[in-house]
PDB file of N, CA and C in Angstrom:
ATOM      1  N   MET A   1       0.822  -1.185   0.000  1.00  0.00           N
ATOM      2  CA  MET A   1       0.000   0.000   0.000  1.00  0.00           C
ATOM      3  C   MET A   1       0.868   1.252   0.000  1.00  0.00           C
ATOM      4  N   ILE A   2       1.921   1.248   0.771  1.00  0.00           N
ATOM      5  CA  ILE A   2       2.722   2.466   0.886  1.00  0.00           C
ATOM      6  C   ILE A   2       3.412   2.809  -0.427  1.00  0.00           C
ATOM      7  N   SER A   3       3.820   1.800  -1.184  1.00  0.00           N
ATOM      8  CA  SER A   3       4.442   2.093  -2.477  1.00  0.00           C
ATOM      9  C   SER A   3       3.409   2.616  -3.467  1.00  0.00           C
ATOM     10  N   ARG A   4       2.195   2.064  -3.410  1.00  0.00           N
ATOM     11  CA  ARG A   4       1.131   2.549  -4.291  1.00  0.00           C
ATOM     12  C   ARG A   4       0.760   3.978  -3.922  1.00  0.00           C
ATOM     13  N   MET A   5       0.717   4.300  -2.619  1.00  0.00           N
ATOM     14  CA  MET A   5       0.425   5.671  -2.201  1.00  0.00           C
ATOM     15  C   MET A   5       1.555   6.612  -2.588  1.00  0.00           C
ATOM     16  N   GLY A   6       2.787   6.131  -2.442  1.00  0.00           N
ATOM     17  CA  GLY A   6       3.927   6.959  -2.848  1.00  0.00           C
ATOM     18  C   GLY A   6       3.883   7.301  -4.321  1.00  0.00           C
ATOM     19  N   PHE A   7       3.454   6.340  -5.122  1.00  0.00           N
ATOM     20  CA  PHE A   7       3.354   6.559  -6.560  1.00  0.00           C
ATOM     21  C   PHE A   7       2.170   7.459  -6.904  1.00  0.00           C
ATOM     22  N   SER A   8       0.999   7.153  -6.335  1.00  0.00           N
ATOM     23  CA  SER A   8      -0.207   7.899  -6.705  1.00  0.00           C
ATOM     24  C   SER A   8      -0.268   9.291  -6.082  1.00  0.00           C
ATOM     25  N   VAL A   9       0.506   9.523  -5.037  1.00  0.00           N
ATOM     26  CA  VAL A   9       0.550  10.844  -4.422  1.00  0.00           C
ATOM     27  C   VAL A   9       1.810  11.593  -4.850  1.00  0.00           C
ATOM     28  N   GLY A  10       2.925  10.891  -4.856  1.00  0.00           N
ATOM     29  CA  GLY A  10       4.214  11.535  -5.095  1.00  0.00           C
ATOM     30  C   GLY A  10       4.373  12.144  -6.469  1.00  0.00           C
ATOM     31  N   ILE A  11       3.945  11.430  -7.499  1.00  0.00           N
ATOM     32  CA  ILE A  11       4.130  11.940  -8.864  1.00  0.00           C
ATOM     33  C   ILE A  11       3.307  13.207  -9.115  1.00  0.00           C
ATOM     34  N   PRO A  12       1.987  13.227  -8.833  1.00  0.00           N
ATOM     35  CA  PRO A  12       1.252  14.485  -9.042  1.00  0.00           C
ATOM     36  C   PRO A  12       1.748  15.628  -8.156  1.00  0.00           C
ATOM     37  N   LEU A  13       2.128  15.311  -6.926  1.00  0.00           N
ATOM     38  CA  LEU A  13       2.625  16.345  -6.033  1.00  0.00           C
ATOM     39  C   LEU A  13       3.947  16.918  -6.544  1.00  0.00           C
ATOM     40  N   PHE A  14       4.829  16.050  -7.001  1.00  0.00           N
ATOM     41  CA  PHE A  14       6.114  16.489  -7.537  1.00  0.00           C
ATOM     42  C   PHE A  14       5.926  17.341  -8.800  1.00  0.00           C
ATOM     43  N   ILE A  15       5.030  16.915  -9.683  1.00  0.00           N
ATOM     44  CA  ILE A  15       4.762  17.692 -10.901  1.00  0.00           C
ATOM     45  C   ILE A  15       4.159  19.045 -10.532  1.00  0.00           C
ATOM     46  N   GLY A  16       3.231  19.047  -9.578  1.00  0.00           N
ATOM     47  CA  GLY A  16       2.636  20.310  -9.135  1.00  0.00           C
ATOM     48  C   GLY A  16       3.662  21.270  -8.556  1.00  0.00           C
ATOM     49  N   LEU A  17       4.623  20.733  -7.816  1.00  0.00           N
ATOM     50  CA  LEU A  17       5.672  21.584  -7.254  1.00  0.00           C
ATOM     51  C   LEU A  17       6.660  22.061  -8.315  1.00  0.00           C
ATOM     52  N   LEU A  18       6.872  21.254  -9.355  1.00  0.00           N
ATOM     53  CA  LEU A  18       7.780  21.671 -10.428  1.00  0.00           C
ATOM     54  C   LEU A  18       7.234  22.824 -11.261  1.00  0.00           C
ATOM     55  N   PHE A  19       5.926  22.990 -11.276  1.00  0.00           N
ATOM     56  CA  PHE A  19       5.349  24.073 -12.068  1.00  0.00           C
ATOM     57  C   PHE A  19       5.623  25.453 -11.475  1.00  0.00           C
ATOM     58  N   PHE A  20       5.857  25.551 -10.179  1.00  0.00           N
ATOM     59  CA  PHE A  20       6.142  26.859  -9.584  1.00  0.00           C
ATOM     60  C   PHE A  20       7.427  27.473 -10.134  1.00  0.00           C
ATOM     61  N   PRO A  21       8.557  26.737 -10.134  1.00  0.00           N
ATOM     62  CA  PRO A  21       9.757  27.325 -10.748  1.00  0.00           C
ATOM     63  C   PRO A  21       9.599  27.530 -12.247  1.00  0.00           C
ATOM     64  N   PHE A  22       8.803  26.664 -12.892  1.00  0.00           N
ATOM     65  CA  PHE A  22       8.579  26.814 -14.333  1.00  0.00           C
ATOM     66  C   PHE A  22       7.865  28.136 -14.638  1.00  0.00           C
ATOM     67  N   PHE A  23       6.809  28.433 -13.898  1.00  0.00           N
ATOM     68  CA  PHE A  23       6.095  29.696 -14.116  1.00  0.00           C
ATOM     69  C   PHE A  23       6.954  30.894 -13.716  1.00  0.00           C
ATOM     70  N   TYR A  24       7.766  30.739 -12.695  1.00  0.00           N
ATOM     71  CA  TYR A  24       8.700  31.802 -12.318  1.00  0.00           C
ATOM     72  C   TYR A  24       9.690  32.052 -13.458  1.00  0.00           C
ATOM     73  N   TYR A  25      10.227  30.993 -14.047  1.00  0.00           N
ATOM     74  CA  TYR A  25      11.162  31.111 -15.171  1.00  0.00           C
ATOM     75  C   TYR A  25      10.492  31.797 -16.367  1.00  0.00           C
ATOM     76  N   LEU A  26       9.253  31.411 -16.661  1.00  0.00           N
ATOM     77  CA  LEU A  26       8.538  32.051 -17.766  1.00  0.00           C
ATOM     78  C   LEU A  26       8.345  33.542 -17.528  1.00  0.00           C
ATOM     79  N   LYS A  27       7.996  33.899 -16.318  1.00  0.00           N
ATOM     80  CA  LYS A  27       7.669  35.298 -16.025  1.00  0.00           C
ATOM     81  C   LYS A  27       8.912  36.178 -15.864  1.00  0.00           C
ATOM     82  N   VAL A  28       9.927  35.689 -15.144  1.00  0.00           N
ATOM     83  CA  VAL A  28      11.076  36.531 -14.814  1.00  0.00           C
ATOM     84  C   VAL A  28      12.154  36.479 -15.892  1.00  0.00           C
ATOM     85  N   VAL A  29      12.508  35.300 -16.329  1.00  0.00           N
ATOM     86  CA  VAL A  29      13.626  35.151 -17.263  1.00  0.00           C
ATOM     87  C   VAL A  29      13.180  35.404 -18.695  1.00  0.00           C
ATOM     88  N   LEU A  30      12.105  34.732 -19.125  1.00  0.00           N
ATOM     89  CA  LEU A  30      11.657  34.878 -20.512  1.00  0.00           C
ATOM     90  C   LEU A  30      10.731  36.068 -20.722  1.00  0.00           C
ATOM     91  N   LYS A  31      10.337  36.733 -19.652  1.00  0.00           N
ATOM     92  CA  LYS A  31       9.465  37.921 -19.704  1.00  0.00           C
ATOM     93  C   LYS A  31       8.126  37.637 -20.396  1.00  0.00           C
ATOM     94  N   ILE A  32       7.614  36.446 -20.184  1.00  0.00           N
ATOM     95  CA  ILE A  32       6.289  36.095 -20.702  1.00  0.00           C
ATOM     96  C   ILE A  32       5.277  36.392 -19.610  1.00  0.00           C
ATOM     97  N   ASP A  33       4.275  37.186 -19.976  1.00  0.00           N
ATOM     98  CA  ASP A  33       3.268  37.565 -18.992  1.00  0.00           C
ATOM     99  C   ASP A  33       2.261  36.421 -18.829  1.00  0.00           C
ATOM    100  N   VAL A  34       2.471  35.621 -17.790  1.00  0.00           N
ATOM    101  CA  VAL A  34       1.568  34.512 -17.485  1.00  0.00           C
ATOM    102  C   VAL A  34       0.497  35.033 -16.536  1.00  0.00           C
ATOM    103  N   PRO A  35      -0.782  34.868 -16.898  1.00  0.00           N
ATOM    104  CA  PRO A  35      -1.839  35.329 -15.993  1.00  0.00           C
ATOM    105  C   PRO A  35      -1.738  34.616 -14.641  1.00  0.00           C
ATOM    106  N   THR A  36      -2.116  35.312 -13.601  1.00  0.00           N
ATOM    107  CA  THR A  36      -1.998  34.778 -12.255  1.00  0.00           C
ATOM    108  C   THR A  36      -2.836  33.526 -12.049  1.00  0.00           C
ATOM    109  N   TRP A  37      -3.963  33.425 -12.723  1.00  0.00           N
ATOM    110  CA  TRP A  37      -4.853  32.297 -12.518  1.00  0.00           C
ATOM    111  C   TRP A  37      -4.304  31.003 -13.094  1.00  0.00           C
ATOM    112  N   VAL A  38      -3.378  31.059 -14.050  1.00  0.00           N
ATOM    113  CA  VAL A  38      -2.849  29.833 -14.668  1.00  0.00           C
ATOM    114  C   VAL A  38      -2.071  28.990 -13.660  1.00  0.00           C
ATOM    115  N   PRO A  39      -1.114  29.552 -12.894  1.00  0.00           N
ATOM    116  CA  PRO A  39      -0.450  28.710 -11.889  1.00  0.00           C
ATOM    117  C   PRO A  39      -1.414  28.174 -10.827  1.00  0.00           C
ATOM    118  N   PHE A  40      -2.437  28.966 -10.490  1.00  0.00           N
ATOM    119  CA  PHE A  40      -3.415  28.494  -9.508  1.00  0.00           C
ATOM    120  C   PHE A  40      -4.188  27.285 -10.033  1.00  0.00           C
ATOM    121  N   ILE A  41      -4.630  27.356 -11.276  1.00  0.00           N
ATOM    122  CA  ILE A  41      -5.395  26.258 -11.859  1.00  0.00           C
ATOM    123  C   ILE A  41      -4.523  25.008 -11.998  1.00  0.00           C
ATOM    124  N   VAL A  42      -3.295  25.185 -12.470  1.00  0.00           N
ATOM    125  CA  VAL A  42      -2.390  24.046 -12.649  1.00  0.00           C
ATOM    126  C   VAL A  42      -2.059  23.406 -11.307  1.00  0.00           C
ATOM    127  N   SER A  43      -1.738  24.213 -10.306  1.00  0.00           N
ATOM    128  CA  SER A  43      -1.417  23.649  -8.996  1.00  0.00           C
ATOM    129  C   SER A  43      -2.648  23.024  -8.358  1.00  0.00           C
ATOM    130  N   PHE A  44      -3.819  23.620  -8.535  1.00  0.00           N
ATOM    131  CA  PHE A  44      -5.059  23.040  -8.025  1.00  0.00           C
ATOM    132  C   PHE A  44      -5.301  21.664  -8.636  1.00  0.00           C
ATOM    133  N   PHE A  45      -5.086  21.531  -9.941  1.00  0.00           N
ATOM    134  CA  PHE A  45      -5.290  20.254 -10.620  1.00  0.00           C
ATOM    135  C   PHE A  45      -4.340  19.179 -10.081  1.00  0.00           C
ATOM    136  N   PHE A  46      -3.045  19.480 -10.011  1.00  0.00           N
ATOM    137  CA  PHE A  46      -2.082  18.461  -9.593  1.00  0.00           C
ATOM    138  C   PHE A  46      -2.164  18.160  -8.097  1.00  0.00           C
ATOM    139  N   PHE A  47      -2.413  19.156  -7.264  1.00  0.00           N
ATOM    140  CA  PHE A  47      -2.562  18.883  -5.832  1.00  0.00           C
ATOM    141  C   PHE A  47      -3.864  18.142  -5.557  1.00  0.00           C
ATOM    142  N   GLY A  48      -4.903  18.445  -6.314  1.00  0.00           N
ATOM    143  CA  GLY A  48      -6.156  17.681  -6.202  1.00  0.00           C
ATOM    144  C   GLY A  48      -5.972  16.244  -6.629  1.00  0.00           C
ATOM    145  N   THR A  49      -5.172  16.029  -7.676  1.00  0.00           N
ATOM    146  CA  THR A  49      -4.868  14.670  -8.115  1.00  0.00           C
ATOM    147  C   THR A  49      -4.087  13.927  -7.035  1.00  0.00           C
ATOM    148  N   ALA A  50      -3.182  14.597  -6.362  1.00  0.00           N
ATOM    149  CA  ALA A  50      -2.443  13.976  -5.262  1.00  0.00           C
ATOM    150  C   ALA A  50      -3.383  13.613  -4.115  1.00  0.00           C
ATOM    151  N   LEU A  51      -4.365  14.461  -3.840  1.00  0.00           N
ATOM    152  CA  LEU A  51      -5.346  14.157  -2.800  1.00  0.00           C
ATOM    153  C   LEU A  51      -6.174  12.934  -3.170  1.00  0.00           C
ATOM    154  N   LEU A  52      -6.568  12.835  -4.430  1.00  0.00           N
ATOM    155  CA  LEU A  52      -7.266  11.637  -4.890  1.00  0.00           C
ATOM    156  C   LEU A  52      -6.366  10.408  -4.794  1.00  0.00           C
ATOM    157  N   GLY A  53      -5.069  10.610  -4.992  1.00  0.00           N
ATOM    158  CA  GLY A  53      -4.119   9.505  -4.850  1.00  0.00           C
ATOM    159  C   GLY A  53      -4.053   8.985  -3.428  1.00  0.00           C
ATOM    160  N   VAL A  54      -4.176   9.873  -2.442  1.00  0.00           N
ATOM    161  CA  VAL A  54      -4.225   9.432  -1.045  1.00  0.00           C
ATOM    162  C   VAL A  54      -5.463   8.565  -0.824  1.00  0.00           C
ATOM    163  N   SER A  55      -6.592   9.022  -1.319  1.00  0.00           N
ATOM    164  CA  SER A  55      -7.832   8.254  -1.163  1.00  0.00           C
ATOM    165  C   SER A  55      -7.730   6.907  -1.856  1.00  0.00           C
ATOM    166  N   TYR A  56      -7.192   6.892  -3.069  1.00  0.00           N
ATOM    167  CA  TYR A  56      -7.061   5.627  -3.783  1.00  0.00           C
ATOM    168  C   TYR A  56      -6.074   4.702  -3.077  1.00  0.00           C
ATOM    169  N   GLY A  57      -5.007   5.243  -2.537  1.00  0.00           N
ATOM    170  CA  GLY A  57      -4.035   4.423  -1.822  1.00  0.00           C
ATOM    171  C   GLY A  57      -4.646   3.746  -0.605  1.00  0.00           C
ATOM    172  N   ILE A  58      -5.521   4.440   0.086  1.00  0.00           N
ATOM    173  CA  ILE A  58      -6.175   3.855   1.261  1.00  0.00           C
ATOM    174  C   ILE A  58      -7.205   2.816   0.848  1.00  0.00           C
ATOM    175  N   VAL A  59      -8.029   3.160  -0.123  1.00  0.00           N
ATOM    176  CA  VAL A  59      -9.111   2.259  -0.514  1.00  0.00           C
ATOM    177  C   VAL A  59      -8.593   1.053  -1.298  1.00  0.00           C
ATOM    178  N   SER A  60      -7.486   1.189  -1.988  1.00  0.00           N
ATOM    179  CA  SER A  60      -6.983   0.069  -2.791  1.00  0.00           C
ATOM    180  C   SER A  60      -6.100  -0.881  -1.999  1.00  0.00           C
ATOM    181  N   SER A  61      -5.939  -0.637  -0.707  1.00  0.00           N
ATOM    182  CA  SER A  61      -5.150  -1.561   0.109  1.00  0.00           C
ATOM    183  C   SER A  61      -6.034  -2.718   0.550  1.00  0.00           C
ATOM    184  N   SER A  62      -5.410  -3.816   0.860  1.00  0.00           N
ATOM    185  CA  SER A  62      -6.151  -4.974   1.348  1.00  0.00           C
ATOM    186  C   SER A  62      -6.461  -4.753   2.816  1.00  0.00           C
ATOM    187  N   TRP A  63      -7.737  -4.709   3.165  1.00  0.00           N
ATOM    188  CA  TRP A  63      -8.145  -4.482   4.544  1.00  0.00           C
ATOM    189  C   TRP A  63      -8.167  -5.781   5.331  1.00  0.00           C
ATOM    190  N   ASP A  64      -7.892  -6.882   4.668  1.00  0.00           N
ATOM    191  CA  ASP A  64      -7.800  -8.171   5.334  1.00  0.00           C
ATOM    192  C   ASP A  64      -6.340  -8.398   5.710  1.00  0.00           C
ATOM    193  N   PRO A  65      -6.003  -8.454   6.995  1.00  0.00           N
ATOM    194  CA  PRO A  65      -4.593  -8.561   7.381  1.00  0.00           C
ATOM    195  C   PRO A  65      -3.945  -9.883   6.976  1.00  0.00           C
ATOM    196  N   MET A  66      -4.749 -10.887   6.663  1.00  0.00           N
ATOM    197  CA  MET A  66      -4.196 -12.186   6.287  1.00  0.00           C
ATOM    198  C   MET A  66      -3.918 -12.295   4.792  1.00  0.00           C
ATOM    199  N   ARG A  67      -4.293 -11.291   4.015  1.00  0.00           N
ATOM    200  CA  ARG A  67      -4.143 -11.372   2.566  1.00  0.00           C
ATOM    201  C   ARG A  67      -3.387 -10.156   2.061  1.00  0.00           C
ATOM    202  N   GLU A  68      -2.429 -10.419   1.179  1.00  0.00           N
ATOM    203  CA  GLU A  68      -1.663  -9.327   0.584  1.00  0.00           C
ATOM    204  C   GLU A  68      -2.395  -8.804  -0.642  1.00  0.00           C
ATOM    205  N   GLY A  69      -2.369  -7.517  -0.839  1.00  0.00           N
ATOM    206  CA  GLY A  69      -3.052  -6.901  -1.963  1.00  0.00           C
ATOM    207  C   GLY A  69      -2.298  -7.084  -3.269  1.00  0.00           C
ATOM    208  N   SER A  70      -2.956  -6.740  -4.353  1.00  0.00           N
ATOM    209  CA  SER A  70      -2.336  -6.851  -5.667  1.00  0.00           C
ATOM    210  C   SER A  70      -1.442  -5.641  -5.934  1.00  0.00           C
ATOM    211  N   LEU A  71      -0.784  -5.641  -7.091  1.00  0.00           N
ATOM    212  CA  LEU A  71       0.162  -4.575  -7.411  1.00  0.00           C
ATOM    213  C   LEU A  71      -0.527  -3.220  -7.548  1.00  0.00           C
ATOM    214  N   LEU A  72      -1.575  -3.151  -8.344  1.00  0.00           N
ATOM    215  CA  LEU A  72      -2.291  -1.885  -8.531  1.00  0.00           C
ATOM    216  C   LEU A  72      -3.444  -1.697  -7.555  1.00  0.00           C
ATOM    217  N   GLY A  73      -3.898  -2.786  -6.952  1.00  0.00           N
ATOM    218  CA  GLY A  73      -4.966  -2.692  -5.961  1.00  0.00           C
ATOM    219  C   GLY A  73      -6.346  -2.479  -6.532  1.00  0.00           C
ATOM    220  N   TRP A  74      -6.542  -2.769  -7.809  1.00  0.00           N
ATOM    221  CA  TRP A  74      -7.838  -2.514  -8.428  1.00  0.00           C
ATOM    222  C   TRP A  74      -8.928  -3.410  -7.846  1.00  0.00           C
ATOM    223  N   ASN A  75      -8.620  -4.705  -7.628  1.00  0.00           N
ATOM    224  CA  ASN A  75      -9.616  -5.620  -7.058  1.00  0.00           C
ATOM    225  C   ASN A  75     -10.005  -5.195  -5.647  1.00  0.00           C
ATOM    226  N   GLU A  76      -9.024  -4.775  -4.860  1.00  0.00           N
ATOM    227  CA  GLU A  76      -9.311  -4.324  -3.503  1.00  0.00           C
ATOM    228  C   GLU A  76     -10.134  -3.044  -3.516  1.00  0.00           C
ATOM    229  N   ALA A  77      -9.818  -2.145  -4.434  1.00  0.00           N
ATOM    230  CA  ALA A  77     -10.570  -0.884  -4.528  1.00  0.00           C
ATOM    231  C   ALA A  77     -12.027  -1.145  -4.877  1.00  0.00           C
ATOM    232  N   GLN A  78     -12.272  -2.099  -5.784  1.00  0.00           N
ATOM    233  CA  GLN A  78     -13.654  -2.420  -6.147  1.00  0.00           C
ATOM    234  C   GLN A  78     -14.430  -2.981  -4.960  1.00  0.00           C
ATOM    235  N   LYS A  79     -13.748  -3.708  -4.081  1.00  0.00           N
ATOM    236  CA  LYS A  79     -14.413  -4.250  -2.895  1.00  0.00           C
ATOM    237  C   LYS A  79     -14.575  -3.187  -1.810  1.00  0.00           C
ATOM    238  N   ASN A  80     -13.583  -2.319  -1.668  1.00  0.00           N
ATOM    239  CA  ASN A  80     -13.563  -1.393  -0.533  1.00  0.00           C
ATOM    240  C   ASN A  80     -14.325  -0.098  -0.770  1.00  0.00           C
ATOM    241  N   TRP A  81     -14.513   0.336  -2.026  1.00  0.00           N
ATOM    242  CA  TRP A  81     -15.234   1.594  -2.266  1.00  0.00           C
ATOM    243  C   TRP A  81     -16.659   1.562  -1.718  1.00  0.00           C
ATOM    244  N   PRO A  82     -17.440   0.495  -1.983  1.00  0.00           N
ATOM    245  CA  PRO A  82     -18.802   0.498  -1.409  1.00  0.00           C
ATOM    246  C   PRO A  82     -18.802   0.532   0.116  1.00  0.00           C
ATOM    247  N   VAL A  83     -17.860  -0.169   0.750  1.00  0.00           N
ATOM    248  CA  VAL A  83     -17.776  -0.153   2.210  1.00  0.00           C
ATOM    249  C   VAL A  83     -17.419   1.248   2.703  1.00  0.00           C
ATOM    250  N   PHE A  84     -16.495   1.885   2.002  1.00  0.00           N
ATOM    251  CA  PHE A  84     -16.087   3.250   2.360  1.00  0.00           C
ATOM    252  C   PHE A  84     -17.255   4.216   2.261  1.00  0.00           C
ATOM    253  N   TRP A  85     -17.988   4.199   1.143  1.00  0.00           N
ATOM    254  CA  TRP A  85     -19.108   5.123   0.969  1.00  0.00           C
ATOM    255  C   TRP A  85     -20.241   4.820   1.932  1.00  0.00           C
ATOM    256  N   GLN A  86     -20.472   3.528   2.187  1.00  0.00           N
ATOM    257  CA  GLN A  86     -21.539   3.173   3.112  1.00  0.00           C
ATOM    258  C   GLN A  86     -21.221   3.661   4.520  1.00  0.00           C
ATOM    259  N   SER A  87     -19.973   3.520   4.943  1.00  0.00           N
ATOM    260  CA  SER A  87     -19.618   4.000   6.274  1.00  0.00           C
ATOM    261  C   SER A  87     -19.599   5.522   6.334  1.00  0.00           C
ATOM    262  N   LEU A  88     -19.278   6.169   5.216  1.00  0.00           N
ATOM    263  CA  LEU A  88     -19.236   7.622   5.180  1.00  0.00           C
ATOM    264  C   LEU A  88     -20.633   8.230   5.180  1.00  0.00           C
ATOM    265  N   TRP A  89     -21.508   7.700   4.350  1.00  0.00           N
ATOM    266  CA  TRP A  89     -22.847   8.275   4.210  1.00  0.00           C
ATOM    267  C   TRP A  89     -23.891   7.565   5.048  1.00  0.00           C
ATOM    268  N   GLY A  90     -23.521   6.456   5.681  1.00  0.00           N
ATOM    269  CA  GLY A  90     -24.453   5.767   6.571  1.00  0.00           C
ATOM    270  C   GLY A  90     -25.581   5.088   5.843  1.00  0.00           C
ATOM    271  N   GLY A  91     -25.271   4.381   4.772  1.00  0.00           N
ATOM    272  CA  GLY A  91     -26.305   3.679   4.024  1.00  0.00           C
ATOM    273  C   GLY A  91     -26.939   2.576   4.854  1.00  0.00           C
ATOM    274  N   GLY A  92     -28.257   2.483   4.806  1.00  0.00           N
ATOM    275  CA  GLY A  92     -28.948   1.451   5.563  1.00  0.00           C
ATOM    276  C   GLY A  92     -29.121   1.853   7.015  1.00  0.00           C
ATOM    277  N   SER A  93     -29.477   0.874   7.818  1.00  0.00           N
ATOM    278  CA  SER A  93     -29.683   1.185   9.237  1.00  0.00           C
ATOM    279  C   SER A  93     -28.346   1.318   9.946  1.00  0.00           C
ATOM    280  N   ARG A  94     -28.356   2.098  10.991  1.00  0.00           N
ATOM    281  CA  ARG A  94     -27.128   2.386  11.722  1.00  0.00           C
ATOM    282  C   ARG A  94     -26.755   1.257  12.686  1.00  0.00           C
ATOM    283  N   GLU A  95     -27.711   0.431  13.027  1.00  0.00           N
ATOM    284  CA  GLU A  95     -27.438  -0.588  14.020  1.00  0.00           C
ATOM    285  C   GLU A  95     -28.049  -1.911  13.573  1.00  0.00           C
ATOM    286  N   LYS A  96     -27.234  -2.945  13.588  1.00  0.00           N
ATOM    287  CA  LYS A  96     -27.714  -4.267  13.216  1.00  0.00           C
ATOM    288  C   LYS A  96     -27.248  -5.242  14.290  1.00  0.00           C
ATOM    289  N   GLU A  97     -28.136  -6.159  14.667  1.00  0.00           N
ATOM    290  CA  GLU A  97     -27.768  -7.164  15.650  1.00  0.00           C
ATOM    291  C   GLU A  97     -27.904  -8.541  15.035  1.00  0.00           C
ATOM    292  N   VAL A  98     -26.952  -9.393  15.375  1.00  0.00           N
ATOM    293  CA  VAL A  98     -26.964 -10.768  14.906  1.00  0.00           C
ATOM    294  C   VAL A  98     -26.764 -11.653  16.121  1.00  0.00           C
ATOM    295  N   MET A  99     -27.595 -12.685  16.253  1.00  0.00           N
ATOM    296  CA  MET A  99     -27.474 -13.613  17.373  1.00  0.00           C
ATOM    297  C   MET A  99     -26.990 -14.937  16.828  1.00  0.00           C
ATOM    298  N   LEU A 100     -25.858 -15.397  17.343  1.00  0.00           N
ATOM    299  CA  LEU A 100     -25.298 -16.652  16.879  1.00  0.00           C
ATOM    300  C   LEU A 100     -24.696 -17.384  18.064  1.00  0.00           C
ATOM    301  N   ALA A 101     -25.257 -18.522  18.407  1.00  0.00           N
ATOM    302  CA  ALA A 101     -24.751 -19.393  19.475  1.00  0.00           C
ATOM    303  C   ALA A 101     -24.534 -18.639  20.780  1.00  0.00           C
ATOM    304  N   GLY A 102     -25.482 -17.817  21.158  1.00  0.00           N
ATOM    305  CA  GLY A 102     -25.392 -17.129  22.441  1.00  0.00           C
ATOM    306  C   GLY A 102     -24.518 -15.896  22.438  1.00  0.00           C
ATOM    307  N   VAL A 103     -23.971 -15.518  21.285  1.00  0.00           N
ATOM    308  CA  VAL A 103     -23.135 -14.324  21.197  1.00  0.00           C
ATOM    309  C   VAL A 103     -23.879 -13.304  20.348  1.00  0.00           C
ATOM    310  N   THR A 104     -24.106 -12.149  20.907  1.00  0.00           N
ATOM    311  CA  THR A 104     -24.784 -11.079  20.189  1.00  0.00           C
ATOM    312  C   THR A 104     -23.740 -10.135  19.614  1.00  0.00           C
ATOM    313  N   CYS A 105     -23.779  -9.953  18.326  1.00  0.00           N
ATOM    314  CA  CYS A 105     -22.874  -9.017  17.656  1.00  0.00           C
ATOM    315  C   CYS A 105     -23.709  -7.833  17.197  1.00  0.00           C
ATOM    316  N   ARG A 106     -23.322  -6.656  17.605  1.00  0.00           N
ATOM    317  CA  ARG A 106     -24.052  -5.460  17.217  1.00  0.00           C
ATOM    318  C   ARG A 106     -23.104  -4.563  16.443  1.00  0.00           C
ATOM    319  N   ARG A 107     -23.535  -4.104  15.270  1.00  0.00           N
ATOM    320  CA  ARG A 107     -22.720  -3.228  14.435  1.00  0.00           C
ATOM    321  C   ARG A 107     -23.294  -1.832  14.528  1.00  0.00           C
ATOM    322  N   GLU A 108     -22.484  -0.897  15.015  1.00  0.00           N
ATOM    323  CA  GLU A 108     -22.869   0.503  15.055  1.00  0.00           C
ATOM    324  C   GLU A 108     -21.883   1.276  14.211  1.00  0.00           C
ATOM    325  N   TYR A 109     -22.383   2.023  13.268  1.00  0.00           N
ATOM    326  CA  TYR A 109     -21.558   2.795  12.355  1.00  0.00           C
ATOM    327  C   TYR A 109     -20.526   1.865  11.719  1.00  0.00           C
ATOM    328  N   SER A 110     -19.258   2.045  11.956  1.00  0.00           N
ATOM    329  CA  SER A 110     -18.267   1.166  11.356  1.00  0.00           C
ATOM    330  C   SER A 110     -17.540   0.335  12.404  1.00  0.00           C
ATOM    331  N   HIS A 111     -18.024   0.319  13.633  1.00  0.00           N
ATOM    332  CA  HIS A 111     -17.380  -0.440  14.697  1.00  0.00           C
ATOM    333  C   HIS A 111     -18.206  -1.683  15.006  1.00  0.00           C
ATOM    334  N   ILE A 112     -17.550  -2.732  15.390  1.00  0.00           N
ATOM    335  CA  ILE A 112     -18.240  -3.962  15.749  1.00  0.00           C
ATOM    336  C   ILE A 112     -18.030  -4.201  17.235  1.00  0.00           C
ATOM    337  N   HIS A 113     -19.122  -4.328  17.953  1.00  0.00           N
ATOM    338  CA  HIS A 113     -19.079  -4.614  19.376  1.00  0.00           C
ATOM    339  C   HIS A 113     -19.618  -6.025  19.563  1.00  0.00           C
ATOM    340  N   ILE A 114     -18.946  -6.819  20.341  1.00  0.00           N
ATOM    341  CA  ILE A 114     -19.390  -8.181  20.598  1.00  0.00           C
ATOM    342  C   ILE A 114     -19.754  -8.293  22.069  1.00  0.00           C
ATOM    343  N   TYR A 115     -20.972  -8.742  22.312  1.00  0.00           N
ATOM    344  CA  TYR A 115     -21.451  -8.946  23.662  1.00  0.00           C
ATOM    345  C   TYR A 115     -21.717 -10.436  23.835  1.00  0.00           C
ATOM    346  N   VAL A 116     -21.252 -10.988  24.910  1.00  0.00           N
ATOM    347  CA  VAL A 116     -21.507 -12.392  25.209  1.00  0.00           C
ATOM    348  C   VAL A 116     -22.706 -12.451  26.151  1.00  0.00           C
ATOM    349  N   ARG A 117     -23.720 -13.151  25.724  1.00  0.00           N
ATOM    350  CA  ARG A 117     -24.924 -13.274  26.520  1.00  0.00           C
ATOM    351  C   ARG A 117     -24.935 -14.646  27.181  1.00  0.00           C
ATOM    352  N   MET A 118     -25.059 -14.658  28.457  1.00  0.00           N
ATOM    353  CA  MET A 118     -25.060 -15.926  29.187  1.00  0.00           C
ATOM    354  C   MET A 118     -26.489 -16.230  29.612  1.00  0.00           C
ATOM    355  N   ASP A 119     -26.991 -17.308  29.161  1.00  0.00           N
ATOM    356  CA  ASP A 119     -28.311 -17.751  29.572  1.00  0.00           C
ATOM    357  C   ASP A 119     -28.135 -18.717  30.750  1.00  0.00           C
ATOM    358  N   LEU A 120     -28.449 -18.235  31.926  1.00  0.00           N
ATOM    359  CA  LEU A 120     -28.328 -19.064  33.116  1.00  0.00           C
ATOM    360  C   LEU A 120     -29.695 -19.604  33.465  1.00  0.00           C
ATOM    361  N   LYS A 121     -29.804 -20.881  33.478  1.00  0.00           N
ATOM    362  CA  LYS A 121     -31.077 -21.518  33.846  1.00  0.00           C
ATOM    363  C   LYS A 121     -30.852 -22.295  35.117  1.00  0.00           C
ATOM    364  N   VAL A 122     -31.609 -21.971  36.101  1.00  0.00           N
ATOM    365  CA  VAL A 122     -31.463 -22.621  37.407  1.00  0.00           C
ATOM    366  C   VAL A 122     -32.614 -23.560  37.639  1.00  0.00           C
TER     367      VAL A 122
END
């Protein structure tokens, strides 16, 4: 995951940072009048792409600790995006309970709480 995040964040961020000296060179050395909004738009695009790279790096990682993710993480991203959006927007009911062999599992938001219920019969 960290290498995928480094790639998906690092490259757009590096390109976005390289444009600042480039626009400075155009304006000061070559005396080309670059409108002020052009560096803002270019930096906004590349820094926004880097922000999307952070999101993709997180969602494309394998959330199962017993399984290693793939190189690009596309399969993991397809599985994790619905879970991410559901936890973010709260799709469905906020609380679900499941009873299995005397153990009650209750899911609230994105946390799982396990309660052990003891049926004592005297």
